[in-house]
Every structure is written in C-alpha cells, then in structure tokens.
Amino acid sequence: MVVAVLVGVAVVATAVVWVIWVGLFTPGAAIDNQDIGYRHVNASTLQVTEQISADPGTRVTCSFEGVDEKFAIVGWKIVDIPPSTQRTFRHSVTVRISQPAVNGTVGACWLTKP
C-alpha cells in the first residue's frame, strides 16, 4: 500500500516537473483546466469530467486521478485528448480505482506535439 502511494506521488511529481519545464521553454503555450465533477460508476470505477481551455487544434494530454480522504491517489489514467475546434471544451474519462475515492480531479495537463 505504502509503495503504491509512493509510486503514485513520484509519477505525479515527475509529470508536474515536466509540465513546468515545457512551459518555461515553450513561449506562447497556453492551457488551463478546471474540475467540473466526478461520479462513481461502480465500486472500482470513477468518471471524471474536466473543462479544458487550449488554442483550437492543440493536442493536450492530461492525468486524470481519483483520490481518497487522505488525498492519496487511488487511481489514475493519462489520456491523450484529441484536438478541438473550440477554445474551451469538456472531456470525461473513466478511471479505475483501487480503493474508495472521495474526489476525481486532473493532476496536470500539458501540450502535446503532433
């Protein structure tokens, strides 16, 4: 259990560092995301909905997560989101969880080169 939490934290930390690094060296790169909601599909599945804002035609990748009452990651999925014709759009993802989750969120989103 402890190892799984540590691995999850390490993955998220690596993703955050990478996003910061890419953001600093990619002028004009603009992306924003906002949690819209989540719902339990069943005991082992969570559906997470996010609002994403990026320039139309931009490829985006996000890490969708389920977290427990201690904010430990109990499920996550990295998703390549297809380019949209709209600046702001919603995207829902199904995430498998290993334990009950009390929230669904996005850990990070980053721009992806084609």
Protein backbone atom coordinates (compact mmCIF):
# COMPACT_ATOMS: atom_id res chain seq x y z
CA MET A 1 0.00 0.00 0.00
CA VAL A 2 2.74 2.43 1.00
CA VAL A 3 4.75 1.52 -2.09
CA ALA A 4 1.74 2.18 -4.34
CA VAL A 5 1.21 5.61 -2.78
CA LEU A 6 4.90 6.47 -3.15
CA VAL A 7 4.90 5.36 -6.79
CA GLY A 8 1.79 7.47 -7.45
CA VAL A 9 3.34 10.52 -5.80
CA ALA A 10 6.55 10.04 -7.81
CA VAL A 11 4.63 9.81 -11.09
CA VAL A 12 2.63 12.96 -10.35
CA ALA A 13 5.75 14.85 -9.22
CA THR A 14 7.56 13.86 -12.41
CA ALA A 15 4.60 14.99 -14.53
CA VAL A 16 4.45 18.35 -12.72
CA VAL A 17 8.19 18.97 -13.15
CA TRP A 18 7.95 18.08 -16.84
CA VAL A 19 4.96 20.40 -17.34
CA ILE A 20 6.81 23.28 -15.66
CA TRP A 21 9.92 22.65 -17.74
CA VAL A 22 7.97 22.51 -21.01
CA GLY A 23 6.00 25.62 -20.03
CA LEU A 24 9.16 27.62 -19.41
CA PHE A 25 10.72 26.69 -22.74
CA THR A 26 7.63 26.90 -24.93
CA PRO A 27 6.69 30.55 -25.35
CA GLY A 28 3.04 31.19 -26.04
CA ALA A 29 1.96 27.77 -24.83
CA ALA A 30 -1.38 28.27 -23.11
CA ILE A 31 -3.51 25.66 -21.41
CA ASP A 32 -5.92 25.79 -18.50
CA ASN A 33 -8.11 23.20 -16.84
CA GLN A 34 -10.90 23.28 -14.28
CA ASP A 35 -12.53 20.42 -12.38
CA ILE A 36 -16.19 20.07 -13.32
CA GLY A 37 -17.11 16.96 -11.38
CA TYR A 38 -16.91 13.25 -10.84
CA ARG A 39 -19.27 10.37 -10.24
CA HIS A 40 -18.91 6.79 -9.10
CA VAL A 41 -19.80 4.41 -11.92
CA ASN A 42 -19.35 1.43 -9.56
CA ALA A 43 -17.10 0.42 -6.64
CA SER A 44 -13.99 0.27 -8.84
CA THR A 45 -14.66 2.97 -11.43
CA LEU A 46 -14.86 6.75 -11.31
CA GLN A 47 -15.87 9.10 -14.12
CA VAL A 48 -14.01 12.43 -14.01
CA THR A 49 -15.11 15.46 -16.07
CA GLU A 50 -12.77 18.36 -16.75
CA GLN A 51 -13.10 21.65 -18.61
CA ILE A 52 -10.01 22.30 -20.72
CA SER A 53 -9.01 25.54 -22.43
CA ALA A 54 -6.37 25.49 -25.16
CA ASP A 55 -5.93 27.01 -28.58
CA PRO A 56 -8.17 25.26 -31.14
CA GLY A 57 -6.38 22.40 -32.88
CA THR A 58 -3.94 21.95 -29.98
CA ARG A 59 -3.14 18.44 -28.76
CA VAL A 60 -3.46 18.08 -24.99
CA THR A 61 -2.59 15.25 -22.59
CA CYS A 62 -3.95 15.13 -19.03
CA SER A 63 -3.55 12.88 -16.00
CA PHE A 64 -6.99 12.13 -14.53
CA GLU A 65 -6.95 10.94 -10.90
CA GLY A 66 -9.13 9.51 -8.17
CA VAL A 67 -8.10 10.40 -4.60
CA ASP A 68 -9.14 9.10 -1.20
CA GLU A 69 -9.94 11.00 2.02
CA LYS A 70 -6.19 11.36 2.74
CA PHE A 71 -5.59 12.79 -0.76
CA ALA A 72 -3.71 9.65 -1.76
CA ILE A 73 -4.06 8.72 -5.41
CA VAL A 74 -6.15 5.55 -5.65
CA GLY A 75 -6.44 5.52 -9.44
CA TRP A 76 -5.10 7.49 -12.38
CA LYS A 77 -5.07 7.48 -16.13
CA ILE A 78 -3.07 9.53 -18.63
CA VAL A 79 -5.24 10.49 -21.59
CA ASP A 80 -4.37 12.00 -24.98
CA ILE A 81 -7.22 14.37 -25.74
CA PRO A 82 -7.92 14.94 -29.43
CA PRO A 83 -7.66 18.49 -30.79
CA SER A 84 -10.85 20.50 -30.51
CA THR A 85 -12.25 23.19 -32.78
CA GLN A 86 -13.29 25.16 -29.68
CA ARG A 87 -11.06 27.04 -27.24
CA THR A 88 -12.88 25.63 -24.19
CA PHE A 89 -14.42 22.17 -24.06
CA ARG A 90 -15.27 19.39 -21.60
CA HIS A 91 -13.77 15.92 -21.53
CA SER A 92 -14.85 12.95 -19.40
CA VAL A 93 -12.67 9.95 -18.60
CA THR A 94 -13.33 6.69 -16.76
CA VAL A 95 -10.66 5.93 -14.15
CA ARG A 96 -10.25 2.57 -12.42
CA ILE A 97 -9.74 2.94 -8.66
CA SER A 98 -8.18 0.50 -6.20
CA GLN A 99 -9.95 1.89 -3.12
CA PRO A 100 -12.95 4.15 -2.47
CA ALA A 101 -12.38 7.64 -3.86
CA VAL A 102 -13.79 10.85 -2.41
CA ASN A 103 -12.79 13.06 -5.34
CA GLY A 104 -11.91 12.93 -9.01
CA THR A 105 -9.59 15.54 -10.46
CA VAL A 106 -6.88 16.26 -13.01
CA GLY A 107 -3.34 16.21 -11.67
CA ALA A 108 -1.89 18.07 -14.65
CA CYS A 109 -2.43 18.83 -18.33
CA TRP A 110 0.26 19.58 -20.86
CA LEU A 111 0.51 20.42 -24.53
CA THR A 112 1.48 17.53 -26.78
CA LYS A 113 3.31 17.91 -30.06
CA PRO A 114 1.71 16.15 -33.04
